[in-house]
N, C-alpha and C. Protein backbone atom coordinates (compact mmCIF):
# COMPACT_ATOMS: atom_id res chain seq x y z
N MET A 1 60.26 -17.51 37.35
CA MET A 1 60.47 -16.43 36.41
C MET A 1 59.31 -16.30 35.43
N LEU A 2 58.74 -17.40 35.02
CA LEU A 2 57.63 -17.35 34.07
C LEU A 2 56.27 -17.57 34.73
N THR A 3 56.23 -17.59 36.06
CA THR A 3 54.98 -17.91 36.75
C THR A 3 53.94 -16.81 36.67
N TRP A 4 54.33 -15.57 36.42
CA TRP A 4 53.37 -14.47 36.39
C TRP A 4 52.34 -14.64 35.28
N MET A 5 52.64 -15.44 34.26
CA MET A 5 51.70 -15.61 33.17
C MET A 5 51.36 -17.09 32.96
N ALA A 6 51.78 -17.92 33.89
CA ALA A 6 51.54 -19.36 33.83
C ALA A 6 52.11 -19.97 32.56
N TRP A 7 53.25 -19.45 32.12
CA TRP A 7 53.92 -20.00 30.96
C TRP A 7 54.78 -21.18 31.37
N THR A 8 54.99 -22.05 30.44
CA THR A 8 55.94 -23.13 30.65
C THR A 8 57.19 -22.81 29.82
N TRP A 9 58.27 -23.50 30.12
CA TRP A 9 59.49 -23.27 29.35
C TRP A 9 59.32 -23.62 27.87
N PRO A 10 58.62 -24.71 27.52
CA PRO A 10 58.42 -24.97 26.09
C PRO A 10 57.65 -23.84 25.39
N THR A 11 56.68 -23.23 26.07
CA THR A 11 55.94 -22.12 25.48
C THR A 11 56.85 -20.92 25.27
N ALA A 12 57.67 -20.63 26.26
CA ALA A 12 58.60 -19.51 26.14
C ALA A 12 59.60 -19.77 25.02
N LEU A 13 60.09 -20.99 24.90
CA LEU A 13 61.04 -21.32 23.82
C LEU A 13 60.39 -21.21 22.45
N PHE A 14 59.11 -21.57 22.37
CA PHE A 14 58.40 -21.44 21.10
C PHE A 14 58.33 -19.97 20.68
N PHE A 15 57.96 -19.10 21.60
CA PHE A 15 57.88 -17.68 21.26
C PHE A 15 59.26 -17.10 20.98
N LEU A 16 60.27 -17.58 21.67
CA LEU A 16 61.64 -17.16 21.38
C LEU A 16 62.05 -17.59 19.97
N PHE A 17 61.62 -18.78 19.57
CA PHE A 17 61.89 -19.26 18.21
C PHE A 17 61.22 -18.37 17.17
N ILE A 18 59.97 -17.98 17.41
CA ILE A 18 59.26 -17.11 16.48
C ILE A 18 59.95 -15.75 16.39
N ILE A 19 60.34 -15.20 17.52
CA ILE A 19 61.04 -13.91 17.53
C ILE A 19 62.37 -14.02 16.79
N THR A 20 63.08 -15.13 16.99
CA THR A 20 64.34 -15.35 16.29
C THR A 20 64.14 -15.45 14.78
N CYS A 21 63.08 -16.13 14.37
CA CYS A 21 62.77 -16.22 12.93
C CYS A 21 62.51 -14.83 12.35
N LEU A 22 61.71 -14.04 13.04
CA LEU A 22 61.40 -12.70 12.55
C LEU A 22 62.65 -11.82 12.51
N ALA A 23 63.50 -11.92 13.52
CA ALA A 23 64.74 -11.15 13.53
C ALA A 23 65.67 -11.58 12.40
N THR A 24 65.73 -12.88 12.14
CA THR A 24 66.54 -13.39 11.04
C THR A 24 66.04 -12.86 9.70
N LEU A 25 64.73 -12.88 9.50
CA LEU A 25 64.16 -12.35 8.27
C LEU A 25 64.43 -10.85 8.13
N THR A 26 64.41 -10.13 9.24
CA THR A 26 64.72 -8.70 9.20
C THR A 26 66.16 -8.47 8.78
N VAL A 27 67.08 -9.22 9.37
CA VAL A 27 68.49 -9.09 9.01
C VAL A 27 68.72 -9.47 7.55
N LEU A 28 68.08 -10.53 7.09
CA LEU A 28 68.21 -10.92 5.68
C LEU A 28 67.69 -9.83 4.75
N GLU A 29 66.59 -9.22 5.13
CA GLU A 29 66.03 -8.16 4.29
C GLU A 29 66.93 -6.94 4.27
N LEU A 30 67.54 -6.63 5.39
CA LEU A 30 68.45 -5.48 5.44
C LEU A 30 69.74 -5.77 4.68
N ARG A 31 70.22 -6.99 4.78
CA ARG A 31 71.48 -7.34 4.13
C ARG A 31 71.29 -7.61 2.64
N TYR A 32 70.23 -8.30 2.28
CA TYR A 32 69.92 -8.62 0.88
C TYR A 32 68.55 -8.07 0.55
N PRO A 33 68.44 -6.76 0.30
CA PRO A 33 67.11 -6.17 0.09
C PRO A 33 66.45 -6.68 -1.19
N GLY A 34 65.21 -6.48 -1.22
CA GLY A 34 64.45 -6.88 -2.41
C GLY A 34 63.40 -7.89 -2.01
N GLY A 35 63.82 -9.10 -1.79
CA GLY A 35 62.88 -10.14 -1.42
C GLY A 35 61.74 -10.25 -2.40
N ASP A 36 62.05 -10.10 -3.69
CA ASP A 36 61.01 -10.15 -4.70
C ASP A 36 60.24 -11.46 -4.62
N PRO A 37 58.93 -11.39 -4.83
CA PRO A 37 58.15 -12.63 -4.83
C PRO A 37 58.62 -13.58 -5.92
N ARG A 38 58.55 -14.84 -5.62
CA ARG A 38 58.88 -15.85 -6.63
C ARG A 38 57.75 -16.87 -6.68
N ARG A 39 57.59 -17.45 -7.85
CA ARG A 39 56.53 -18.43 -8.07
C ARG A 39 57.10 -19.82 -7.85
N GLY A 40 56.46 -20.58 -6.96
CA GLY A 40 56.94 -21.90 -6.61
C GLY A 40 56.10 -23.01 -7.23
N VAL A 41 56.28 -24.20 -6.68
CA VAL A 41 55.61 -25.38 -7.23
C VAL A 41 54.10 -25.35 -7.05
N PHE A 42 53.61 -24.59 -6.08
CA PHE A 42 52.16 -24.50 -5.87
C PHE A 42 51.53 -23.40 -6.70
N GLY A 43 52.33 -22.66 -7.45
CA GLY A 43 51.81 -21.59 -8.28
C GLY A 43 51.50 -20.32 -7.52
N LEU A 44 52.05 -20.18 -6.33
CA LEU A 44 51.83 -18.98 -5.52
C LEU A 44 53.03 -18.05 -5.65
N ASP A 45 52.77 -16.77 -5.67
CA ASP A 45 53.86 -15.80 -5.57
C ASP A 45 54.10 -15.54 -4.09
N THR A 46 55.28 -15.92 -3.60
CA THR A 46 55.55 -15.79 -2.17
C THR A 46 56.84 -15.02 -1.93
N THR A 47 56.86 -14.31 -0.80
CA THR A 47 58.07 -13.64 -0.33
C THR A 47 58.63 -14.47 0.83
N ARG A 48 59.74 -14.00 1.39
CA ARG A 48 60.34 -14.73 2.53
C ARG A 48 59.35 -14.84 3.69
N GLY A 49 58.67 -13.76 3.98
CA GLY A 49 57.70 -13.76 5.08
C GLY A 49 56.54 -14.71 4.82
N ASP A 50 56.08 -14.74 3.58
CA ASP A 50 55.00 -15.67 3.22
C ASP A 50 55.44 -17.12 3.42
N ARG A 51 56.67 -17.40 3.01
CA ARG A 51 57.18 -18.77 3.16
C ARG A 51 57.34 -19.15 4.62
N LEU A 52 57.76 -18.19 5.46
CA LEU A 52 57.84 -18.46 6.90
C LEU A 52 56.46 -18.77 7.46
N PHE A 53 55.47 -17.97 7.10
CA PHE A 53 54.11 -18.20 7.58
C PHE A 53 53.58 -19.55 7.11
N ILE A 54 53.78 -19.89 5.85
CA ILE A 54 53.32 -21.18 5.32
C ILE A 54 54.00 -22.34 6.04
N SER A 55 55.30 -22.22 6.28
CA SER A 55 56.01 -23.30 6.95
C SER A 55 55.56 -23.45 8.41
N LEU A 56 55.34 -22.34 9.11
CA LEU A 56 54.87 -22.43 10.49
C LEU A 56 53.46 -22.98 10.58
N LEU A 57 52.59 -22.51 9.70
CA LEU A 57 51.21 -23.01 9.70
C LEU A 57 51.16 -24.50 9.35
N GLY A 58 51.93 -24.89 8.33
CA GLY A 58 51.98 -26.30 7.96
C GLY A 58 52.55 -27.15 9.08
N SER A 59 53.57 -26.65 9.78
CA SER A 59 54.15 -27.39 10.89
C SER A 59 53.14 -27.59 12.01
N ALA A 60 52.34 -26.57 12.28
CA ALA A 60 51.31 -26.71 13.31
C ALA A 60 50.32 -27.81 12.94
N TYR A 61 49.90 -27.83 11.69
CA TYR A 61 48.98 -28.88 11.24
C TYR A 61 49.63 -30.26 11.30
N ILE A 62 50.90 -30.34 10.97
CA ILE A 62 51.61 -31.62 11.04
C ILE A 62 51.62 -32.14 12.47
N PHE A 63 51.97 -31.28 13.42
CA PHE A 63 51.99 -31.70 14.82
C PHE A 63 50.61 -32.07 15.33
N LEU A 64 49.59 -31.26 15.00
CA LEU A 64 48.24 -31.57 15.46
C LEU A 64 47.71 -32.88 14.87
N ALA A 65 47.96 -33.09 13.59
CA ALA A 65 47.51 -34.34 12.97
C ALA A 65 48.23 -35.54 13.58
N TYR A 66 49.52 -35.41 13.80
CA TYR A 66 50.27 -36.52 14.40
C TYR A 66 49.76 -36.81 15.81
N LEU A 67 49.55 -35.76 16.58
CA LEU A 67 49.02 -35.97 17.94
C LEU A 67 47.64 -36.61 17.91
N GLY A 68 46.82 -36.20 16.95
CA GLY A 68 45.47 -36.76 16.85
C GLY A 68 45.47 -38.22 16.46
N PHE A 69 46.38 -38.61 15.60
CA PHE A 69 46.40 -39.99 15.12
C PHE A 69 47.27 -40.92 15.96
N PHE A 70 48.40 -40.43 16.46
CA PHE A 70 49.36 -41.31 17.11
C PHE A 70 49.69 -40.94 18.54
N GLY A 71 49.65 -39.66 18.88
CA GLY A 71 50.03 -39.22 20.22
C GLY A 71 51.54 -39.05 20.33
N PRO A 72 52.01 -38.78 21.57
CA PRO A 72 53.44 -38.57 21.75
C PRO A 72 54.21 -39.88 21.56
N PRO A 73 55.50 -39.84 21.35
CA PRO A 73 56.45 -38.74 21.34
C PRO A 73 56.40 -37.97 20.01
N LEU A 74 56.97 -36.80 20.03
CA LEU A 74 56.82 -35.88 18.90
C LEU A 74 58.09 -35.76 18.05
N TRP A 75 58.99 -36.70 18.10
CA TRP A 75 60.22 -36.62 17.30
C TRP A 75 59.93 -36.83 15.82
N ILE A 76 59.00 -37.69 15.49
CA ILE A 76 58.67 -37.95 14.08
C ILE A 76 58.03 -36.73 13.43
N PRO A 77 57.01 -36.10 14.06
CA PRO A 77 56.47 -34.89 13.42
C PRO A 77 57.47 -33.75 13.38
N LEU A 78 58.41 -33.71 14.32
CA LEU A 78 59.45 -32.69 14.26
C LEU A 78 60.29 -32.86 13.00
N ALA A 79 60.66 -34.10 12.70
CA ALA A 79 61.43 -34.35 11.47
C ALA A 79 60.61 -34.01 10.23
N ILE A 80 59.33 -34.35 10.23
CA ILE A 80 58.47 -34.04 9.09
C ILE A 80 58.32 -32.53 8.95
N ALA A 81 58.15 -31.82 10.07
CA ALA A 81 57.99 -30.36 10.02
C ALA A 81 59.26 -29.68 9.53
N LEU A 82 60.42 -30.17 9.94
CA LEU A 82 61.68 -29.61 9.45
C LEU A 82 61.82 -29.84 7.94
N ALA A 83 61.44 -31.03 7.50
CA ALA A 83 61.48 -31.32 6.06
C ALA A 83 60.49 -30.42 5.31
N TRP A 84 59.32 -30.21 5.89
CA TRP A 84 58.31 -29.32 5.30
C TRP A 84 58.86 -27.89 5.20
N GLY A 85 59.50 -27.41 6.26
CA GLY A 85 60.07 -26.08 6.24
C GLY A 85 61.14 -25.94 5.18
N PHE A 86 61.99 -26.94 5.04
CA PHE A 86 63.02 -26.92 3.98
C PHE A 86 62.36 -26.88 2.62
N PHE A 87 61.34 -27.71 2.41
CA PHE A 87 60.63 -27.75 1.13
C PHE A 87 60.01 -26.40 0.81
N VAL A 88 59.37 -25.80 1.79
CA VAL A 88 58.68 -24.52 1.57
C VAL A 88 59.69 -23.44 1.19
N PHE A 89 60.80 -23.33 1.93
CA PHE A 89 61.75 -22.27 1.63
C PHE A 89 62.54 -22.54 0.36
N ARG A 90 62.64 -23.77 -0.04
CA ARG A 90 63.41 -24.08 -1.24
C ARG A 90 62.55 -24.05 -2.51
N TYR A 91 61.34 -24.58 -2.44
CA TYR A 91 60.56 -24.80 -3.66
C TYR A 91 59.26 -24.03 -3.76
N VAL A 92 58.78 -23.42 -2.70
CA VAL A 92 57.49 -22.73 -2.76
C VAL A 92 57.70 -21.26 -3.05
């Protein structure tokens, strides 16, 4: 099913996750409009979309750094990335 583009299932799941995040943010914006920027602990004014981008970018760096220093398995960086995402959406 995914052979036409040489995708793997983890790659497809990653893009499905990104699409799900964007759809969730769209529903949140429609249900609770406004999304006014707020100033967090880093002194940045961020919206929901900004926080999603920061959490995804930070998670990518977490995984790459962990792979560079320790290698697989990736359960530890997954826990760190989830904690990072929680921190970003709560405090940034």
